[in-house]
Amino acid sequence: MITGEIDRKQAKKLLELARQTIYAKLHDQALAIEQPEDDCFNENAATFVTLKIAGQLRGCIGSLSPTVSLWESVKTNALSSAFHDSRFSPLTADELKDVHIDISILTSPVDLVYVDAEDLITLLRQGVDGVILQYGSRGATFLPQVWKQLPTAELFLGHLCLKAGLSENCWREDHPTIQTYTVQSFAEEEV
């Protein structure tokens, strides 16, 4: 797991990696970026890569467990977001120029112990916590950035249940397992 914060220069390098990885795949070329010497790029990390066009989601895939290096995680998730997000058709070369890339590096998820739905609402930190919801064999996650579109805990959890293929009120009625995490997030327009 990443032990410190990613600085601006490192963030810029990771965003460049994501864009060049997608570009190389679209143009059937070898990747033309080498991994810098920074130790952080070798540390295992869980990441999500989010693609947007004109502010609208165009792909978002990631990992919740730090099983590969930060460098490899960003490469893999950039490709998955661009070409394997089942909600969208694969990204085209024409679209790439309009894509804005956001990378999130996740902390390890922590179990959230709660008594009931009202307790759950009070424990969640809006705008801070990413949430993993699990009930039976179904589960889903929302990054903390999703709070911007779903600003109340009720909306956030209801949509998260729907994303997992559960009833919208699953979080109220079925006491699903909840884990939370935080992220360090950076986007191309910010660095």
Protein backbone atom coordinates (compact mmCIF):
# COMPACT_ATOMS: atom_id res chain seq x y z
CA MET A 1 0.00 0.00 0.00
CA ILE A 2 1.21 3.52 -0.75
CA THR A 3 2.86 4.85 2.40
CA GLY A 4 2.74 8.58 1.64
CA GLU A 5 0.99 11.18 -0.46
CA ILE A 6 1.62 11.34 -4.19
CA ASP A 7 3.08 14.75 -5.04
CA ARG A 8 2.07 16.93 -7.99
CA LYS A 9 4.93 15.73 -10.21
CA GLN A 10 4.14 12.06 -9.50
CA ALA A 11 0.43 12.66 -10.09
CA LYS A 12 1.20 14.27 -13.44
CA LYS A 13 3.35 11.27 -14.40
CA LEU A 14 0.55 8.82 -13.50
CA LEU A 15 -2.02 10.80 -15.51
CA GLU A 16 0.42 10.85 -18.45
CA LEU A 17 0.83 7.08 -18.05
CA ALA A 18 -2.94 6.52 -18.17
CA ARG A 19 -3.38 8.65 -21.29
CA GLN A 20 -0.38 7.17 -23.11
CA THR A 21 -1.46 3.62 -22.24
CA ILE A 22 -4.87 4.24 -23.84
CA TYR A 23 -3.28 6.01 -26.82
CA ALA A 24 -0.85 3.14 -27.44
CA LYS A 25 -3.68 0.60 -27.38
CA LEU A 26 -5.84 2.66 -29.76
CA HIS A 27 -2.97 3.03 -32.24
CA ASP A 28 -1.52 -0.48 -31.78
CA GLN A 29 1.81 0.94 -30.61
CA ALA A 30 4.26 0.10 -27.87
CA LEU A 31 3.92 2.19 -24.72
CA ALA A 32 6.34 5.11 -24.98
CA ILE A 33 6.65 5.99 -21.30
CA GLU A 34 9.11 4.51 -18.84
CA GLN A 35 8.56 4.13 -15.12
CA PRO A 36 10.41 6.79 -13.14
CA GLU A 37 12.73 5.85 -10.27
CA ASP A 38 10.33 7.06 -7.52
CA ASP A 39 9.77 4.27 -4.98
CA CYS A 40 6.03 5.01 -4.75
CA PHE A 41 5.48 3.66 -8.27
CA ASN A 42 6.72 0.23 -7.11
CA GLU A 43 4.50 0.08 -4.03
CA ASN A 44 1.35 -2.01 -4.34
CA ALA A 45 -1.77 0.10 -4.68
CA ALA A 46 -5.50 -0.17 -5.29
CA THR A 47 -6.57 2.39 -7.88
CA PHE A 48 -9.51 3.50 -9.96
CA VAL A 49 -9.19 5.29 -13.30
CA THR A 50 -12.19 7.40 -14.29
CA LEU A 51 -12.75 8.75 -17.80
CA LYS A 52 -15.16 11.60 -18.50
CA ILE A 53 -16.19 13.46 -21.64
CA ALA A 54 -17.86 16.85 -21.19
CA GLY A 55 -18.32 16.07 -17.50
CA GLN A 56 -20.16 12.80 -18.22
CA LEU A 57 -18.83 9.43 -17.13
CA ARG A 58 -17.25 7.48 -20.01
CA GLY A 59 -15.59 4.67 -18.05
CA CYS A 60 -14.54 3.84 -14.51
CA ILE A 61 -12.80 0.65 -13.48
CA GLY A 62 -10.53 -0.09 -10.59
CA SER A 63 -9.37 -2.44 -7.90
CA LEU A 64 -10.13 -2.54 -4.20
CA SER A 65 -7.07 -4.59 -3.24
CA PRO A 66 -3.44 -3.53 -3.65
CA THR A 67 -2.25 -6.62 -5.55
CA VAL A 68 0.06 -4.94 -8.09
CA SER A 69 2.33 -1.89 -8.17
CA LEU A 70 0.86 1.58 -8.47
CA TRP A 71 2.38 1.87 -11.96
CA GLU A 72 0.83 -1.43 -13.15
CA SER A 73 -2.49 -0.72 -11.45
CA VAL A 74 -2.90 2.60 -13.30
CA LYS A 75 -1.98 0.99 -16.64
CA THR A 76 -4.38 -1.92 -16.17
CA ASN A 77 -7.27 0.22 -14.95
CA ALA A 78 -6.78 2.84 -17.68
CA LEU A 79 -7.17 0.11 -20.30
CA SER A 80 -10.12 -1.45 -18.50
CA SER A 81 -11.89 1.92 -18.14
CA ALA A 82 -11.38 2.76 -21.80
CA PHE A 83 -12.17 -0.60 -23.33
CA HIS A 84 -13.86 -2.95 -20.85
CA ASP A 85 -16.40 -0.98 -18.82
CA SER A 86 -19.58 -2.91 -19.66
CA ARG A 87 -21.71 0.24 -19.34
CA PHE A 88 -20.04 1.78 -22.41
CA SER A 89 -18.80 0.87 -25.85
CA PRO A 90 -14.99 0.82 -26.18
CA LEU A 91 -13.39 4.25 -26.40
CA THR A 92 -12.49 5.39 -29.91
CA ALA A 93 -9.42 7.29 -31.10
CA ASP A 94 -11.64 10.28 -31.96
CA GLU A 95 -12.96 10.43 -28.38
CA LEU A 96 -9.56 10.33 -26.69
CA LYS A 97 -8.83 14.03 -27.30
CA ASP A 98 -12.02 14.91 -25.36
CA VAL A 99 -11.41 12.55 -22.44
CA HIS A 100 -10.49 13.90 -19.02
CA ILE A 101 -8.75 11.39 -16.78
CA ASP A 102 -9.04 11.13 -12.99
CA ILE A 103 -7.02 8.69 -10.88
CA SER A 104 -7.92 7.64 -7.34
CA ILE A 105 -5.52 5.80 -5.04
CA LEU A 106 -7.44 3.97 -2.32
CA THR A 107 -6.60 3.29 1.30
CA SER A 108 -7.31 -0.21 2.62
CA PRO A 109 -11.04 -0.72 3.25
CA VAL A 110 -12.16 -0.78 6.88
CA ASP A 111 -15.27 -2.56 8.18
CA LEU A 112 -17.95 -0.14 9.31
CA VAL A 113 -19.81 -1.55 12.31
CA TYR A 114 -23.32 -0.12 12.60
CA VAL A 115 -26.51 -0.97 14.48
CA ASP A 116 -29.21 0.01 11.98
CA ALA A 117 -29.88 2.23 8.97
CA GLU A 118 -30.03 5.42 11.03
CA ASP A 119 -26.71 4.60 12.68
CA LEU A 120 -25.18 3.89 9.27
CA ILE A 121 -26.23 7.32 8.00
CA THR A 122 -24.60 9.06 10.96
CA LEU A 123 -21.33 7.13 10.61
CA LEU A 124 -20.73 7.84 6.91
CA ARG A 125 -18.61 10.89 6.16
CA GLN A 126 -20.15 12.57 3.13
CA GLY A 127 -17.60 13.57 0.53
CA VAL A 128 -14.84 11.70 2.40
CA ASP A 129 -15.75 8.02 2.49
CA GLY A 130 -15.79 5.67 -0.43
CA VAL A 131 -18.20 2.85 0.35
CA ILE A 132 -18.20 -0.85 -0.45
CA LEU A 133 -21.59 -2.50 0.06
CA GLN A 134 -21.85 -6.31 0.11
CA TYR A 135 -24.96 -8.43 0.56
CA GLY A 136 -24.81 -12.12 -0.20
CA SER A 137 -22.99 -12.58 -3.49
CA ARG A 138 -23.72 -9.04 -4.66
CA GLY A 139 -21.64 -5.98 -4.05
CA ALA A 140 -20.64 -2.59 -5.41
CA THR A 141 -18.58 0.45 -4.54
CA PHE A 142 -18.81 4.19 -5.01
CA LEU A 143 -15.73 6.40 -4.80
CA PRO A 144 -15.96 9.43 -2.49
CA GLN A 145 -16.31 11.66 -5.57
CA VAL A 146 -19.81 10.19 -6.16
CA TRP A 147 -21.07 12.21 -3.17
CA LYS A 148 -21.02 15.22 -5.54
CA GLN A 149 -23.81 13.65 -7.63
CA LEU A 150 -25.57 11.91 -4.71
CA PRO A 151 -25.14 14.36 -1.81
CA THR A 152 -27.22 12.63 0.87
CA ALA A 153 -26.47 9.30 2.53
CA GLU A 154 -29.94 8.05 1.59
CA LEU A 155 -29.41 8.77 -2.13
CA PHE A 156 -25.83 7.51 -2.06
CA LEU A 157 -26.70 4.20 -0.39
CA GLY A 158 -29.87 3.69 -2.45
CA HIS A 159 -27.98 4.07 -5.72
CA LEU A 160 -25.16 1.89 -4.42
CA CYS A 161 -27.69 -0.88 -3.69
CA LEU A 162 -29.10 -0.53 -7.21
CA LYS A 163 -25.58 -0.67 -8.68
CA ALA A 164 -25.07 -3.97 -6.82
CA GLY A 165 -28.27 -5.35 -8.35
CA LEU A 166 -30.16 -5.16 -5.06
CA SER A 167 -33.35 -3.33 -4.05
CA GLU A 168 -32.89 0.39 -3.47
CA ASN A 169 -33.80 -0.07 0.20
CA CYS A 170 -31.42 -2.97 0.82
CA TRP A 171 -29.26 -0.73 3.00
CA ARG A 172 -32.28 0.02 5.24
CA GLU A 173 -33.86 -3.44 5.38
CA ASP A 174 -31.15 -6.09 4.99
CA HIS A 175 -28.16 -4.83 7.01
CA PRO A 176 -25.51 -5.36 4.29
CA THR A 177 -21.80 -5.45 5.09
CA ILE A 178 -20.32 -1.97 4.70
CA GLN A 179 -16.66 -1.04 4.34
CA THR A 180 -15.25 2.45 3.88
CA TYR A 181 -12.03 3.83 2.42
CA THR A 182 -10.60 7.19 1.47
CA VAL A 183 -8.75 8.21 -1.68
CA GLN A 184 -6.08 10.54 -2.92
CA SER A 185 -7.53 11.73 -6.20
CA PHE A 186 -6.13 13.87 -8.99
CA ALA A 187 -7.34 14.85 -12.44
CA GLU A 188 -5.63 16.12 -15.57
CA GLU A 189 -7.13 19.59 -15.31
CA GLU A 190 -5.82 19.93 -11.73
CA VAL A 191 -2.10 19.15 -12.21
